[in-house]
N, C-alpha and C. Protein backbone atom coordinates (compact mmCIF):
# COMPACT_ATOMS: atom_id res chain seq x y z
N MET A 1 0.96 -0.98 0.17
CA MET A 1 -0.15 -0.04 0.28
C MET A 1 0.86 1.44 0.05
N PRO A 2 1.84 1.44 0.81
CA PRO A 2 2.53 2.27 0.82
C PRO A 2 3.26 3.15 -0.44
N ARG A 3 3.77 1.51 -1.09
CA ARG A 3 4.13 1.92 -2.81
C ARG A 3 2.78 2.87 -3.48
N PHE A 4 1.77 2.15 -3.47
CA PHE A 4 1.16 2.64 -4.37
C PHE A 4 0.94 4.08 -3.98
N ARG A 5 0.73 4.97 -2.96
CA ARG A 5 1.17 6.10 -2.46
C ARG A 5 1.52 6.70 -2.93
N PHE A 6 3.44 6.57 -3.06
CA PHE A 6 3.73 7.16 -3.72
C PHE A 6 4.12 7.75 -4.71
N PRO A 7 3.54 6.99 -5.76
CA PRO A 7 3.54 7.01 -7.23
C PRO A 7 2.38 7.76 -7.42
N CYS A 8 1.26 7.87 -6.96
CA CYS A 8 0.33 8.46 -7.27
C CYS A 8 0.71 9.89 -6.78
N LEU A 9 0.87 10.61 -5.37
CA LEU A 9 1.45 11.29 -5.33
C LEU A 9 2.53 12.28 -5.79
N SER A 10 3.45 11.34 -6.06
CA SER A 10 4.20 12.05 -7.34
C SER A 10 3.41 12.27 -8.66
N VAL A 11 2.59 11.37 -9.32
CA VAL A 11 1.94 11.79 -10.06
C VAL A 11 1.34 12.99 -10.20
N LEU A 12 0.95 13.59 -8.95
CA LEU A 12 -0.25 14.40 -8.71
C LEU A 12 0.56 15.62 -8.51
N LEU A 13 1.87 15.51 -8.08
CA LEU A 13 2.80 16.42 -7.90
C LEU A 13 3.34 16.99 -8.87
N ALA A 14 3.27 16.61 -10.15
CA ALA A 14 3.89 16.89 -11.44
C ALA A 14 2.69 17.17 -12.24
N ALA A 15 1.85 16.55 -12.45
CA ALA A 15 0.61 17.41 -12.60
C ALA A 15 0.39 18.76 -12.31
N ALA A 16 0.62 18.82 -11.01
CA ALA A 16 0.09 20.50 -10.32
C ALA A 16 1.52 21.13 -11.04
N CYS A 17 2.42 20.54 -11.26
CA CYS A 17 3.78 21.84 -11.13
C CYS A 17 3.32 22.02 -12.92
N THR A 18 2.88 21.48 -13.74
CA THR A 18 3.20 21.49 -14.86
C THR A 18 1.71 22.40 -15.57
N TRP A 19 0.57 21.98 -14.72
CA TRP A 19 -0.94 22.69 -15.17
C TRP A 19 -1.12 23.94 -14.14
N GLY A 20 -0.23 24.28 -12.87
CA GLY A 20 -0.51 25.33 -12.43
C GLY A 20 -0.17 26.92 -12.96
N PRO A 21 0.60 27.32 -13.70
CA PRO A 21 1.39 28.27 -14.28
C PRO A 21 0.07 28.84 -14.64
N SER A 22 -0.31 27.26 -16.05
CA SER A 22 -1.53 28.30 -16.66
C SER A 22 -2.65 28.71 -16.13
N ALA A 23 -3.01 27.44 -15.02
CA ALA A 23 -4.54 27.88 -14.49
C ALA A 23 -4.83 28.63 -13.90
N TYR A 24 -3.61 29.27 -13.16
CA TYR A 24 -3.80 30.95 -12.62
C TYR A 24 -3.21 32.10 -13.19
N ALA A 25 -3.94 33.05 -12.98
CA ALA A 25 -3.50 33.94 -13.24
C ALA A 25 -2.92 35.18 -12.03
N GLN A 26 -1.06 35.41 -12.70
CA GLN A 26 -0.81 36.15 -11.52
C GLN A 26 -1.53 37.80 -10.95
N ALA A 27 -0.99 37.84 -10.05
CA ALA A 27 -1.92 39.35 -9.31
C ALA A 27 -1.02 40.04 -9.30
N THR A 28 -1.06 41.11 -10.11
CA THR A 28 0.05 42.23 -9.66
C THR A 28 -0.87 43.87 -9.07
N ARG A 29 -0.29 44.01 -8.31
CA ARG A 29 -0.54 45.16 -7.53
C ARG A 29 -0.52 46.74 -8.62
N LEU A 30 -1.72 47.48 -9.06
CA LEU A 30 -1.70 48.29 -9.59
C LEU A 30 -1.25 49.49 -9.46
N ASP A 31 -0.29 50.02 -10.12
CA ASP A 31 0.25 51.68 -9.53
C ASP A 31 -1.04 52.81 -9.49
N ASP A 32 -1.23 52.95 -8.21
CA ASP A 32 -2.08 54.55 -8.10
C ASP A 32 -1.67 55.41 -7.70
N SER A 33 0.07 55.64 -7.75
CA SER A 33 0.25 56.73 -7.17
C SER A 33 -0.03 58.61 -7.44
N THR A 34 -0.41 58.19 -9.17
CA THR A 34 -1.12 59.53 -9.16
C THR A 34 -2.47 60.10 -8.92
N SER A 35 -3.07 58.88 -8.43
CA SER A 35 -4.61 59.27 -7.60
C SER A 35 -4.55 60.41 -6.38
N PRO A 36 -5.47 61.43 -6.74
CA PRO A 36 -5.48 62.69 -5.50
C PRO A 36 -5.13 62.52 -4.43
N ARG A 37 -5.91 60.81 -3.89
CA ARG A 37 -6.30 60.85 -2.32
C ARG A 37 -6.20 59.67 -2.18
N ALA A 38 -4.86 58.55 -2.11
CA ALA A 38 -4.96 57.02 -1.77
C ALA A 38 -4.96 56.53 -0.46
N GLN A 39 -5.36 57.35 0.32
CA GLN A 39 -5.45 57.02 1.61
C GLN A 39 -6.23 58.04 2.21
N VAL A 40 -7.81 56.72 3.07
CA VAL A 40 -8.96 57.52 3.22
C VAL A 40 -8.88 57.52 4.86
N ASN A 41 -9.36 58.45 5.41
CA ASN A 41 -9.50 58.69 6.95
C ASN A 41 -10.39 58.77 7.51
N ALA A 42 -10.94 58.43 8.35
CA ALA A 42 -12.42 58.71 8.72
C ALA A 42 -12.90 59.94 9.51
N ASP A 43 -13.61 60.61 9.45
CA ASP A 43 -14.14 62.10 10.03
C ASP A 43 -15.46 61.58 10.68
N PHE A 44 -15.76 61.05 12.11
CA PHE A 44 -16.74 60.81 13.07
C PHE A 44 -17.42 61.61 12.74
N ARG A 45 -17.54 62.76 12.82
CA ARG A 45 -18.63 64.41 12.82
C ARG A 45 -19.66 63.59 11.60
N GLN A 46 -19.76 63.35 10.41
CA GLN A 46 -20.27 62.95 9.73
C GLN A 46 -20.94 61.25 9.99
N ALA A 47 -20.65 61.09 11.10
CA ALA A 47 -20.66 59.99 11.28
C ALA A 47 -22.34 59.51 11.79
N GLN A 48 -23.18 58.28 11.12
CA GLN A 48 -24.45 58.22 12.37
C GLN A 48 -24.51 56.71 12.78
N MET A 49 -25.83 56.96 13.52
CA MET A 49 -26.01 55.33 14.49
C MET A 49 -26.96 54.59 13.55
N LEU A 50 -26.99 53.62 13.11
CA LEU A 50 -27.89 53.30 11.86
C LEU A 50 -28.60 51.94 13.61
N ASP A 51 -27.77 51.56 14.84
CA ASP A 51 -28.79 50.66 15.44
C ASP A 51 -27.63 50.93 16.86
N ASN A 52 -27.48 50.09 17.95
CA ASN A 52 -27.02 50.72 19.29
C ASN A 52 -25.26 50.64 19.14
N GLN A 53 -24.91 49.30 17.95
CA GLN A 53 -23.78 49.34 18.21
C GLN A 53 -23.30 49.51 16.53
N THR A 54 -24.35 49.96 15.29
CA THR A 54 -23.20 50.18 14.08
C THR A 54 -23.21 51.64 13.76
N ILE A 55 -22.05 52.01 13.70
CA ILE A 55 -22.15 53.28 13.12
C ILE A 55 -21.87 53.87 10.81
N SER A 56 -22.69 54.22 10.90
CA SER A 56 -22.51 54.83 9.16
C SER A 56 -21.65 55.51 9.21
N LEU A 57 -20.72 55.83 8.12
CA LEU A 57 -19.88 56.25 8.35
C LEU A 57 -19.54 57.02 6.52
N PRO A 58 -20.09 58.23 6.25
CA PRO A 58 -19.94 58.24 4.61
C PRO A 58 -18.20 58.87 4.30
N PHE A 59 -17.80 58.62 3.45
CA PHE A 59 -16.21 59.38 2.93
C PHE A 59 -16.81 60.63 1.90
N GLY A 60 -17.54 59.61 1.04
CA GLY A 60 -17.84 60.75 -0.14
C GLY A 60 -16.61 60.05 -1.11
N HIS A 61 -16.67 61.05 -2.32
CA HIS A 61 -15.64 60.36 -3.41
C HIS A 61 -14.41 60.04 -3.46
N VAL A 62 -13.37 59.42 -3.71
CA VAL A 62 -12.27 59.10 -3.63
C VAL A 62 -12.07 58.72 -5.45
N GLU A 63 -11.23 59.42 -5.85
CA GLU A 63 -10.65 59.59 -7.17
C GLU A 63 -9.46 58.52 -7.13
N TYR A 64 -9.64 57.62 -7.80
CA TYR A 64 -8.44 56.53 -8.75
C TYR A 64 -7.91 56.75 -9.39
N ARG A 65 -6.73 56.46 -10.11
CA ARG A 65 -6.15 56.81 -11.18
C ARG A 65 -4.66 56.02 -11.72
N LEU A 66 -5.79 54.97 -12.36
CA LEU A 66 -4.50 53.48 -12.25
C LEU A 66 -4.39 53.38 -13.93
N ALA A 67 -2.59 53.13 -13.45
CA ALA A 67 -1.66 52.66 -14.56
C ALA A 67 -1.51 51.63 -15.42
N THR A 68 -2.55 51.19 -16.09
CA THR A 68 -2.55 49.81 -17.14
C THR A 68 -2.08 50.59 -17.92
N ALA A 69 -0.84 51.06 -18.68
CA ALA A 69 -0.36 50.96 -19.85
C ALA A 69 0.11 49.59 -20.04
N ALA A 70 0.92 48.92 -19.33
CA ALA A 70 1.13 47.99 -19.32
C ALA A 70 0.64 46.57 -19.76
N TYR A 71 -0.87 46.93 -19.54
CA TYR A 71 -2.01 45.97 -19.96
C TYR A 71 -3.02 46.03 -21.28
N VAL A 72 -2.52 47.53 -21.77
CA VAL A 72 -2.98 47.78 -22.74
C VAL A 72 -3.30 46.69 -24.67
N GLY A 73 -4.69 46.00 -24.29
CA GLY A 73 -5.13 45.45 -25.25
C GLY A 73 -5.07 44.05 -24.54
N LYS A 74 -4.48 43.43 -23.28
CA LYS A 74 -5.18 42.01 -22.44
C LYS A 74 -5.74 41.80 -21.88
N GLN A 75 -7.23 41.24 -21.65
CA GLN A 75 -8.29 40.74 -21.46
C GLN A 75 -7.83 40.75 -19.77
N ALA A 76 -8.22 41.22 -19.28
CA ALA A 76 -7.69 41.35 -17.62
C ALA A 76 -9.03 41.34 -16.75
N ARG A 77 -8.72 41.20 -15.16
CA ARG A 77 -9.63 41.30 -14.74
C ARG A 77 -8.84 42.66 -13.63
N ILE A 78 -9.91 42.95 -12.79
CA ILE A 78 -9.42 44.22 -11.84
C ILE A 78 -9.94 43.95 -10.21
N TYR A 79 -8.98 43.82 -8.97
CA TYR A 79 -10.03 43.64 -7.94
C TYR A 79 -9.55 44.93 -6.90
N TYR A 80 -10.57 44.87 -6.17
CA TYR A 80 -10.55 46.13 -4.97
C TYR A 80 -9.75 45.38 -3.64
N VAL A 81 -8.59 45.83 -3.09
CA VAL A 81 -8.28 45.08 -2.39
C VAL A 81 -8.46 45.77 -1.29
N ILE A 82 -8.76 45.84 0.18
CA ILE A 82 -9.38 46.13 1.23
C ILE A 82 -7.99 45.50 1.92
N PRO A 83 -7.32 46.21 2.93
CA PRO A 83 -6.14 46.08 3.42
C PRO A 83 -6.61 44.79 4.71
N LEU A 84 -6.22 43.75 5.92
CA LEU A 84 -5.80 43.59 6.62
C LEU A 84 -6.50 44.30 7.92
N ALA A 85 -4.99 44.89 7.69
CA ALA A 85 -4.85 45.33 9.67
C ALA A 85 -5.54 47.21 8.79
N VAL A 86 -6.52 47.53 9.74
CA VAL A 86 -6.75 48.96 9.66
C VAL A 86 -6.31 49.14 11.05
N ALA A 87 -5.95 50.64 10.62
CA ALA A 87 -5.60 51.20 12.22
C ALA A 87 -6.97 52.00 12.66
N GLY A 88 -6.79 51.59 14.15
CA GLY A 88 -8.03 52.47 14.70
C GLY A 88 -8.82 50.45 15.04
N LEU A 89 -8.91 49.89 14.77
CA LEU A 89 -9.69 48.71 14.38
C LEU A 89 -9.09 47.35 14.76
N ARG A 90 -9.95 46.87 15.98
CA ARG A 90 -9.65 45.72 16.85
C ARG A 90 -9.76 44.51 15.58
N SER A 91 -10.94 44.10 15.38
CA SER A 91 -11.07 43.29 14.21
C SER A 91 -11.35 43.07 12.78
N PRO A 92 -11.04 42.83 12.14
CA PRO A 92 -11.90 42.62 10.10
C PRO A 92 -13.10 42.26 10.67
N ALA A 93 -13.57 41.89 11.75
CA ALA A 93 -14.79 42.09 11.16
C ALA A 93 -15.90 43.26 11.46
N GLY A 94 -14.72 44.26 12.34
CA GLY A 94 -15.80 45.62 12.73
C GLY A 94 -16.12 46.50 11.71
N MET A 95 -15.52 46.27 10.38
CA MET A 95 -15.74 47.06 9.68
C MET A 95 -16.28 46.55 8.48
N GLN A 96 -17.32 47.08 7.68
CA GLN A 96 -17.59 46.76 6.38
C GLN A 96 -17.25 48.14 5.18
N VAL A 97 -16.71 48.28 4.44
CA VAL A 97 -16.49 48.70 3.12
C VAL A 97 -17.92 48.32 1.98
N GLN A 98 -18.21 49.60 1.74
CA GLN A 98 -19.23 49.32 0.84
C GLN A 98 -18.56 50.77 -0.13
N TRP A 99 -18.89 50.82 -1.81
CA TRP A 99 -18.95 51.87 -2.18
C TRP A 99 -19.55 51.51 -3.83
N ARG A 100 -19.46 52.41 -4.41
CA ARG A 100 -20.61 53.03 -5.32
C ARG A 100 -19.40 53.84 -6.66
N SER A 101 -19.62 52.91 -7.50
CA SER A 101 -18.94 53.30 -8.81
C SER A 101 -19.39 54.66 -9.60
N SER A 102 -18.80 55.23 -10.09
CA SER A 102 -18.82 56.22 -10.69
C SER A 102 -18.85 55.82 -12.60
N GLY A 103 -18.70 54.85 -13.02
CA GLY A 103 -18.35 54.61 -13.96
C GLY A 103 -18.33 53.21 -14.44
N GLN A 104 -16.92 52.55 -14.47
CA GLN A 104 -17.40 51.43 -15.54
C GLN A 104 -16.76 50.12 -14.43
N PHE A 105 -16.46 50.39 -12.84
CA PHE A 105 -16.21 49.69 -12.31
C PHE A 105 -17.55 49.01 -11.62
N GLN A 106 -17.47 47.96 -10.75
CA GLN A 106 -19.33 47.66 -10.11
C GLN A 106 -19.20 48.33 -9.08
N PRO A 107 -20.28 48.41 -8.04
CA PRO A 107 -20.37 48.62 -7.27
C PRO A 107 -20.01 47.10 -6.20
N GLY A 108 -19.97 47.58 -4.91
CA GLY A 108 -19.69 45.87 -4.40
C GLY A 108 -19.67 46.48 -2.84
N MET A 109 -18.76 45.86 -2.00
CA MET A 109 -18.96 45.78 -0.65
C MET A 109 -17.83 44.66 0.26
N GLY A 110 -16.62 45.06 0.97
CA GLY A 110 -15.69 43.93 1.75
C GLY A 110 -15.68 44.33 2.86
N ARG A 111 -14.93 43.18 3.54
CA ARG A 111 -14.00 43.40 4.85
C ARG A 111 -12.48 43.93 4.81
N PRO A 112 -11.97 43.95 5.78
CA PRO A 112 -10.79 43.79 5.82
C PRO A 112 -10.01 42.86 5.40
N GLY A 113 -9.28 42.65 4.51
CA GLY A 113 -8.69 41.56 3.97
C GLY A 113 -9.40 40.65 2.92
N ASP A 114 -10.45 41.48 2.50
CA ASP A 114 -10.97 40.72 0.87
C ASP A 114 -10.90 41.61 -0.14
N ARG A 115 -10.90 40.68 -1.03
CA ARG A 115 -10.37 41.44 -2.69
C ARG A 115 -11.90 41.02 -3.41
N VAL A 116 -12.19 41.99 -4.25
CA VAL A 116 -13.54 41.84 -4.86
C VAL A 116 -13.33 42.10 -6.35
N LEU A 117 -13.90 41.33 -6.87
CA LEU A 117 -13.86 41.84 -8.31
C LEU A 117 -14.61 43.05 -9.26
N VAL A 118 -14.17 43.93 -9.50
CA VAL A 118 -15.07 45.58 -9.70
C VAL A 118 -14.72 45.30 -11.08
N TRP A 119 -13.70 44.78 -11.91
CA TRP A 119 -13.94 45.03 -13.20
C TRP A 119 -13.53 43.74 -14.34
N THR A 120 -13.82 43.61 -15.39
CA THR A 120 -13.48 42.17 -16.29
C THR A 120 -13.42 42.72 -17.78
N GLY A 121 -12.54 42.82 -18.41
CA GLY A 121 -12.79 43.21 -20.01
C GLY A 121 -11.26 43.45 -20.27
N VAL A 122 -11.34 43.85 -21.81
CA VAL A 122 -9.98 43.96 -22.15
C VAL A 122 -9.60 46.10 -21.98
N VAL A 123 -8.31 45.87 -21.59
CA VAL A 123 -7.73 47.14 -21.30
C VAL A 123 -7.91 47.51 -22.08
N ARG A 124 -7.95 49.12 -22.41
CA ARG A 124 -8.10 49.73 -23.84
C ARG A 124 -7.23 50.80 -23.70
N ALA A 125 -6.61 51.47 -22.22
CA ALA A 125 -6.28 52.78 -22.48
C ALA A 125 -4.84 52.51 -21.15
N PRO A 126 -4.32 53.45 -21.09
CA PRO A 126 -2.77 53.53 -20.43
C PRO A 126 -3.35 53.99 -19.27
N TRP A 127 -4.45 54.53 -19.01
CA TRP A 127 -5.15 54.67 -17.69
C TRP A 127 -6.42 54.63 -17.80
N ILE A 128 -6.93 53.84 -16.23
CA ILE A 128 -8.08 54.08 -16.24
C ILE A 128 -8.45 54.51 -14.59
N THR A 129 -9.76 55.77 -14.48
CA THR A 129 -9.65 56.80 -13.75
C THR A 129 -11.29 56.20 -13.74
N GLU A 130 -11.49 56.16 -11.87
CA GLU A 130 -12.61 55.89 -11.16
C GLU A 130 -12.62 56.61 -10.24
N ASN A 131 -14.07 56.83 -9.98
CA ASN A 131 -14.39 57.40 -8.84
C ASN A 131 -14.90 56.66 -7.85
N PHE A 132 -14.95 56.43 -6.92
CA PHE A 132 -15.59 55.09 -6.05
C PHE A 132 -15.87 56.49 -4.49
N ASP A 133 -17.55 56.23 -4.17
CA ASP A 133 -18.52 56.83 -2.96
C ASP A 133 -18.05 56.02 -2.33
N LEU A 134 -17.33 55.92 -1.40
CA LEU A 134 -17.24 55.28 -0.21
C LEU A 134 -17.97 55.22 1.19
N GLN A 135 -18.17 54.16 1.88
CA GLN A 135 -19.63 53.92 2.95
C GLN A 135 -19.20 53.31 4.06
N LEU A 136 -18.67 53.47 4.90
CA LEU A 136 -17.88 52.82 6.21
C LEU A 136 -19.49 52.28 7.44
N ARG A 137 -19.21 50.65 7.29
CA ARG A 137 -20.22 50.29 8.68
C ARG A 137 -19.51 49.73 9.42
N ILE A 138 -19.82 50.08 10.72
CA ILE A 138 -18.25 49.72 11.71
C ILE A 138 -18.87 49.70 13.05
N ASP A 139 -18.49 48.93 13.46
CA ASP A 139 -18.92 47.98 14.98
C ASP A 139 -18.26 48.83 15.74
N ARG A 140 -19.41 50.13 16.42
CA ARG A 140 -18.16 50.47 17.35
C ARG A 140 -17.70 50.09 19.09
N ARG A 141 -17.78 48.53 18.90
CA ARG A 141 -17.43 47.58 19.66
C ARG A 141 -15.96 47.16 19.54
N GLU A 142 -15.80 47.33 18.70
CA GLU A 142 -14.56 46.93 17.55
C GLU A 142 -13.61 48.00 17.44
N LEU A 143 -13.76 49.06 17.29
CA LEU A 143 -13.40 50.29 17.57
C LEU A 143 -12.26 50.51 18.57
N GLN A 144 -10.63 50.88 18.40
CA GLN A 144 -9.95 50.64 19.30
C GLN A 144 -8.87 52.21 18.75
N MET A 145 -9.30 52.98 19.10
CA MET A 145 -9.00 54.29 18.91
C MET A 145 -8.79 55.16 20.63
N GLY A 146 -7.60 55.42 20.57
CA GLY A 146 -7.21 56.25 21.57
C GLY A 146 -7.50 57.74 21.17
N GLN A 147 -7.31 58.47 22.24
CA GLN A 147 -8.07 60.02 22.61
C GLN A 147 -7.49 60.27 21.03
N GLY A 148 -8.10 61.55 20.45
CA GLY A 148 -7.63 62.16 19.17
C GLY A 148 -7.02 60.70 17.78
N GLY A 149 -7.73 59.71 18.64
CA GLY A 149 -7.07 58.59 17.29
C GLY A 149 -8.14 58.65 15.74
N ASN A 150 -7.69 57.53 15.45
CA ASN A 150 -7.93 57.80 13.80
C ASN A 150 -8.39 56.51 13.22
N LEU A 151 -9.78 56.32 12.68
CA LEU A 151 -9.37 55.38 11.65
C LEU A 151 -9.48 55.32 10.24
N ARG A 152 -7.73 54.63 9.50
CA ARG A 152 -7.63 54.84 8.12
C ARG A 152 -6.65 53.65 7.92
N PHE A 153 -7.21 53.37 6.32
CA PHE A 153 -6.43 52.32 6.03
C PHE A 153 -6.59 53.28 4.32
N GLU A 154 -5.39 52.06 3.70
CA GLU A 154 -5.32 52.31 1.83
C GLU A 154 -5.17 51.32 1.19
N SER A 155 -6.88 50.91 1.23
CA SER A 155 -6.92 50.15 -0.10
C SER A 155 -6.38 50.11 -1.47
N TYR A 156 -5.86 49.50 -2.17
CA TYR A 156 -5.78 48.91 -3.89
C TYR A 156 -6.16 48.00 -4.42
N PHE A 157 -5.53 48.68 -6.15
CA PHE A 157 -6.25 47.31 -6.89
C PHE A 157 -5.45 46.68 -7.40
N GLU A 158 -5.67 45.51 -7.46
CA GLU A 158 -4.47 44.53 -8.33
C GLU A 158 -4.91 44.02 -10.24
N ILE A 159 -4.42 43.47 -10.82
CA ILE A 159 -4.91 43.28 -11.97
C ILE A 159 -4.43 41.57 -12.35
N GLU A 160 -5.10 41.15 -13.37
CA GLU A 160 -4.49 39.37 -13.21
C GLU A 160 -4.99 39.28 -15.07
N THR A 161 -3.92 38.92 -15.83
CA THR A 161 -4.63 38.86 -16.92
C THR A 161 -4.76 37.66 -17.45
N GLN A 162 -5.63 37.72 -18.57
CA GLN A 162 -6.06 36.63 -19.24
C GLN A 162 -4.91 35.95 -20.42
N PRO A 163 -4.77 34.60 -20.52
CA PRO A 163 -3.93 34.23 -21.50
C PRO A 163 -4.34 34.24 -22.91
């Protein structure tokens, strides 16, 4: 019996190595350094209580300018990535980010650590500019901010090209 397991495992491992690179697209972080405001800071003066524990916090429009020149003509997927670590938050379960797009990206929601598909298609231009209307829903029991503290995070975008 042990002899049977070893050859089967070897065959499966060899197949995974052969098929692996072509089966999965490589994700690359998109350069958004020309965006007017990449880091989002919360202003709790605009917060509204939805219930005893949940705060709704609007951010307004955030413009993202994504450098896509290296991908022009390629079939691609773009993901919105919310970082796992959020300054001022105890747990990723304590915050939900919601967004509406003003253009070609899909609206959606996610929590810290999520990677959400927002666009699929052929990249047609060296830059993609998109505005998100961001809103947070926060469980105030999960806030961990000291006096004068801030809740802040920097989301980013990743691209995967298709063969």
